[in-house]
Amino acid sequence: MKIHLNNNQIQKLKKNYYKNINIINFSKAYPLTRLDFVNDSIILSGTSDNPWTYISLDKENDMDKLMEKLREKDKHIAIFDRSVLDYYESNYEIEWKLSCEKYVYENDKILKSEDVYELTKDDAYYIQENNSYNSFTDIEYIKFRIQNGIGLGIKIHDKLVAWVMTHDDGAIGFMHVLENYRNKGYALKLTNEIIRRLLYIDDLPFVHIEKNNEKSIKLAEKAGFKYFGDVYWIKIK
C-alpha cells in the first residue's frame, strides 16, 4: 500500500515550512515506505537514489520517542536538527557525512534569463562525468531528476558548459560551470532562471551549500537567498 502525507500532516509540517520543505517535496516526488509522527516531529522513509529516512524534530521533548521508531535498515539519513545528528554520532558508526547550510529565497525580484537550455536525459552521462559530487549520485538519479524536476543548462557552440537541477527534495543543486567558462555570469543566470521557474509553479526556491563553499554562498546571497539553518546527510555503516 502506498503511503502519502495527508493534508493535516502537511499542514503540521508547514508550521515550520522552511525547515520541512525537504520532507514535503520528497513525499510528493517519491512513494513512501514509512511515516511516523510523534506530535509534530516526524520520521519518513522513501527511495530516490537510495532508501532515505528523513527526520525532523519539532520539540526536543519528542526526541526519545522519535528515536524509538528507528529501524536497523535505516542507513541513509537526512537530518535537520543538530541534536539528532549528535545522537547518531554518539550511537552509530558513520561511513560518511555531508554538512550543508540551507539558504531560502526571500526576494521579490525575479529576473528571467534568456538563452537557457532545458536539459534532457541524454545529458545525464556528461553531467555525471563532470559532476563534483558524482560519488554521491548515479546516472539513473540524474535522469530521473531531469525528467521529473527542473534541469537547465547553458550551451556555447553546442557544448554544455553549465547546468543546474532540482534534487529529490526540491533543493536547487548540481550547479556546475566548466572551469574554462567560469566568471562569466553563467551560474547567476541559471540561478535566476531556476528561481523563476520554481516560483511559477508555486514552489519555494532553496539551496544547500557546504559551509566552506564561499563562492556559492556569495552567489546565493547575490541572487536573494537568506541563510536559514543547517542540514546533514549521513550514511551509517
Protein backbone atom coordinates (compact mmCIF):
# COMPACT_ATOMS: atom_id res chain seq x y z
CA MET A 1 0.00 0.00 0.00
CA LYS A 2 1.31 3.42 -0.94
CA ILE A 3 1.77 5.88 1.91
CA HIS A 4 1.16 9.59 1.46
CA LEU A 5 1.15 12.62 3.69
CA ASN A 6 -2.45 13.73 4.16
CA ASN A 7 -3.47 17.37 4.22
CA ASN A 8 -3.49 17.58 8.02
CA GLN A 9 0.03 16.16 8.19
CA ILE A 10 1.26 18.57 5.53
CA GLN A 11 -0.22 21.45 7.50
CA LYS A 12 1.66 20.23 10.59
CA LEU A 13 4.92 20.32 8.65
CA LYS A 14 4.12 23.73 7.18
CA LYS A 15 4.14 25.23 10.66
CA ASN A 16 7.92 25.18 10.18
CA TYR A 17 7.84 25.40 6.40
CA TYR A 18 11.44 26.39 5.69
CA LYS A 19 12.75 23.54 7.81
CA ASN A 20 10.35 20.88 6.50
CA ILE A 21 10.17 21.82 2.81
CA ASN A 22 12.61 18.98 2.02
CA ILE A 23 10.27 16.42 3.55
CA ILE A 24 7.18 17.86 1.88
CA ASN A 25 8.84 17.88 -1.54
CA PHE A 26 10.35 14.40 -1.17
CA SER A 27 6.96 12.96 -0.22
CA LYS A 28 5.41 14.47 -3.35
CA ALA A 29 8.07 13.07 -5.68
CA TYR A 30 8.61 9.54 -4.35
CA PRO A 31 6.48 6.74 -2.86
CA LEU A 32 6.83 6.49 0.91
CA THR A 33 7.53 3.27 2.75
CA ARG A 34 7.12 4.57 6.30
CA LEU A 35 5.54 7.56 8.02
CA ASP A 36 5.63 8.09 11.79
CA PHE A 37 4.71 11.16 13.81
CA VAL A 38 5.44 11.95 17.43
CA ASN A 39 3.30 15.04 17.95
CA ASP A 40 4.62 17.33 15.17
CA SER A 41 8.01 15.57 14.88
CA ILE A 42 8.38 13.10 12.02
CA ILE A 43 10.29 10.14 10.64
CA LEU A 44 9.60 9.42 6.98
CA SER A 45 11.19 6.93 4.58
CA GLY A 46 11.18 6.51 0.80
CA THR A 47 13.51 5.71 -2.05
CA SER A 48 15.09 8.02 -4.64
CA ASP A 49 18.73 7.20 -5.48
CA ASN A 50 18.87 5.29 -2.17
CA PRO A 51 16.37 4.37 0.54
CA TRP A 52 16.31 7.60 2.57
CA THR A 53 14.98 8.29 6.04
CA TYR A 54 14.12 11.92 6.84
CA ILE A 55 14.00 13.02 10.48
CA SER A 56 12.65 16.38 11.64
CA LEU A 57 12.34 17.22 15.31
CA ASP A 58 9.67 19.75 16.27
CA LYS A 59 10.37 19.76 20.02
CA GLU A 60 13.33 18.37 21.95
CA ASN A 61 10.90 16.54 24.26
CA ASP A 62 9.90 14.34 21.30
CA MET A 63 13.46 13.11 20.78
CA ASP A 64 13.41 9.87 22.79
CA LYS A 65 10.08 8.63 21.44
CA LEU A 66 11.08 9.55 17.90
CA MET A 67 14.37 7.65 18.12
CA GLU A 68 12.48 4.56 19.33
CA LYS A 69 10.95 4.39 15.86
CA LEU A 70 14.30 3.97 14.10
CA ARG A 71 14.85 0.75 12.18
CA GLU A 72 18.02 -1.24 11.68
CA LYS A 73 17.70 -0.86 7.90
CA ASP A 74 17.68 2.96 8.12
CA LYS A 75 21.15 3.63 6.69
CA HIS A 76 20.83 6.84 4.64
CA ILE A 77 19.56 9.62 6.89
CA ALA A 78 18.61 13.24 6.19
CA ILE A 79 18.73 15.33 9.37
CA PHE A 80 17.56 18.88 10.13
CA ASP A 81 18.45 19.16 13.83
CA ARG A 82 21.87 19.24 15.45
CA SER A 83 20.60 17.17 18.40
CA VAL A 84 19.56 14.34 16.06
CA LEU A 85 22.98 14.42 14.40
CA ASP A 86 24.62 14.29 17.83
CA TYR A 87 22.50 11.23 18.67
CA TYR A 88 23.68 9.40 15.56
CA GLU A 89 27.31 10.35 16.01
CA SER A 90 27.20 9.11 19.62
CA ASN A 91 25.42 5.83 18.91
CA TYR A 92 26.41 4.74 15.39
CA GLU A 93 29.48 4.42 13.21
CA ILE A 94 29.16 6.94 10.39
CA GLU A 95 30.51 5.96 6.96
CA TRP A 96 30.18 9.47 5.53
CA LYS A 97 28.59 12.80 6.39
CA LEU A 98 27.70 15.80 4.25
CA SER A 99 27.02 19.02 6.16
CA CYS A 100 25.41 22.00 4.45
CA GLU A 101 23.80 25.32 5.15
CA LYS A 102 20.27 25.86 3.86
CA TYR A 103 19.52 29.14 2.09
CA VAL A 104 15.92 30.09 1.31
CA TYR A 105 14.82 32.58 -1.34
CA GLU A 106 13.38 35.73 0.23
CA ASN A 107 13.30 38.28 -2.57
CA ASP A 108 10.52 39.72 -4.68
CA LYS A 109 12.92 40.39 -7.54
CA ILE A 110 12.57 37.83 -10.34
CA LEU A 111 14.89 38.01 -13.33
CA LYS A 112 14.23 35.99 -16.45
CA SER A 113 17.33 34.63 -18.14
CA GLU A 114 17.41 34.16 -21.89
CA ASP A 115 19.33 31.50 -23.83
CA VAL A 116 18.91 28.85 -21.15
CA TYR A 117 18.70 25.25 -22.38
CA GLU A 118 16.36 22.64 -20.88
CA LEU A 119 18.35 19.52 -20.03
CA THR A 120 17.35 16.14 -21.46
CA LYS A 121 18.15 12.66 -20.14
CA ASP A 122 20.80 12.42 -22.88
CA ASP A 123 22.81 14.98 -20.90
CA ALA A 124 22.91 12.72 -17.83
CA TYR A 125 26.14 10.87 -18.67
CA TYR A 126 28.01 14.09 -19.41
CA ILE A 127 26.75 15.67 -16.19
CA GLN A 128 27.65 12.62 -14.09
CA GLU A 129 31.15 12.55 -15.59
CA ASN A 130 31.72 16.23 -14.80
CA ASN A 131 29.69 16.43 -11.58
CA SER A 132 31.66 17.49 -8.49
CA TYR A 133 29.52 15.17 -6.35
CA ASN A 134 29.48 12.11 -8.61
CA SER A 135 30.44 9.88 -5.70
CA PHE A 136 27.02 10.67 -4.17
CA THR A 137 24.94 10.28 -7.36
CA ASP A 138 24.39 7.91 -10.26
CA ILE A 139 23.12 8.11 -13.84
CA GLU A 140 19.60 6.91 -13.07
CA TYR A 141 19.15 9.52 -10.36
CA ILE A 142 20.27 12.30 -12.71
CA LYS A 143 17.99 11.05 -15.49
CA PHE A 144 15.04 10.93 -13.11
CA ARG A 145 15.68 14.43 -11.82
CA ILE A 146 15.97 15.83 -15.36
CA GLN A 147 12.70 14.19 -16.38
CA ASN A 148 10.76 14.88 -13.17
CA GLY A 149 12.28 18.06 -11.79
CA ILE A 150 13.76 21.19 -13.31
CA GLY A 151 17.05 20.87 -15.21
CA LEU A 152 18.64 23.82 -17.01
CA GLY A 153 21.90 24.35 -18.85
CA ILE A 154 23.85 26.80 -20.96
CA LYS A 155 25.42 25.76 -24.23
CA ILE A 156 28.26 27.52 -26.03
CA HIS A 157 28.73 26.37 -29.63
CA ASP A 158 26.55 23.31 -28.88
CA LYS A 159 28.70 22.37 -25.87
CA LEU A 160 27.04 22.12 -22.47
CA VAL A 161 29.21 24.31 -20.23
CA ALA A 162 27.00 24.98 -17.20
CA TRP A 163 23.98 23.34 -15.56
CA VAL A 164 21.69 23.24 -12.55
CA MET A 165 18.86 20.93 -11.41
CA THR A 166 16.46 20.32 -8.55
CA HIS A 167 17.21 17.43 -6.20
CA ASP A 168 14.85 14.76 -4.89
CA ASP A 169 13.79 17.09 -2.05
CA GLY A 170 13.26 20.09 -4.34
CA ALA A 171 16.51 21.84 -3.41
CA ILE A 172 18.39 23.65 -6.15
CA GLY A 173 21.62 21.76 -6.77
CA PHE A 174 24.09 20.23 -9.19
CA MET A 175 25.25 23.75 -10.05
CA HIS A 176 28.40 23.37 -12.11
CA VAL A 177 30.27 25.52 -14.62
CA LEU A 178 33.15 24.02 -16.57
CA GLU A 179 36.45 25.57 -15.48
CA ASN A 180 37.21 27.42 -18.74
CA TYR A 181 33.77 29.08 -18.68
CA ARG A 182 33.71 30.44 -15.13
CA ASN A 183 33.45 34.11 -14.08
CA LYS A 184 31.13 34.88 -16.99
CA GLY A 185 27.87 35.09 -15.01
CA TYR A 186 26.53 31.70 -16.13
CA ALA A 187 25.86 30.44 -12.59
CA LEU A 188 23.84 33.54 -11.72
CA LYS A 189 21.93 33.31 -14.99
CA LEU A 190 20.97 29.71 -14.26
CA THR A 191 20.11 30.55 -10.65
CA ASN A 192 17.80 33.38 -11.68
CA GLU A 193 16.01 31.20 -14.20
CA ILE A 194 15.50 28.21 -11.90
CA ILE A 195 14.16 30.58 -9.21
CA ARG A 196 11.71 32.00 -11.73
CA ARG A 197 10.50 28.55 -12.75
CA LEU A 198 10.09 27.36 -9.17
CA LEU A 199 8.10 30.44 -8.21
CA TYR A 200 5.94 29.99 -11.32
CA ILE A 201 4.80 26.58 -10.04
CA ASP A 202 4.43 27.99 -6.50
CA ASP A 203 7.43 26.10 -5.08
CA LEU A 204 9.85 27.59 -2.56
CA PRO A 205 13.36 28.05 -4.01
CA PHE A 206 16.04 26.89 -1.60
CA VAL A 207 19.58 25.60 -1.83
CA HIS A 208 22.06 23.62 0.28
CA ILE A 209 25.68 24.79 0.33
CA GLU A 210 28.70 23.30 2.07
CA LYS A 211 29.95 25.59 4.82
CA ASN A 212 33.35 26.26 3.25
CA ASN A 213 32.00 27.00 -0.24
CA GLU A 214 32.31 30.78 -0.07
CA LYS A 215 31.75 31.34 -3.80
CA SER A 216 28.43 29.51 -3.78
CA ILE A 217 27.33 31.31 -0.62
CA LYS A 218 28.08 34.68 -2.23
CA LEU A 219 26.19 33.61 -5.37
CA ALA A 220 23.16 32.57 -3.30
CA GLU A 221 23.14 35.82 -1.34
CA LYS A 222 23.51 37.84 -4.54
CA ALA A 223 20.51 36.01 -6.02
CA GLY A 224 18.36 36.82 -2.97
CA PHE A 225 18.72 33.78 -0.69
CA LYS A 226 18.96 34.07 3.09
CA TYR A 227 20.58 31.63 5.49
CA PHE A 228 18.05 29.54 7.43
CA GLY A 229 19.82 26.67 9.16
CA ASP A 230 21.95 23.56 8.78
CA VAL A 231 21.17 20.24 7.07
CA TYR A 232 23.05 16.94 7.34
CA TRP A 233 23.10 13.78 5.28
CA ILE A 234 24.76 10.69 6.72
CA LYS A 235 25.28 7.06 5.84
CA ILE A 236 25.57 4.58 8.67
CA LYS A 237 27.94 1.63 8.36
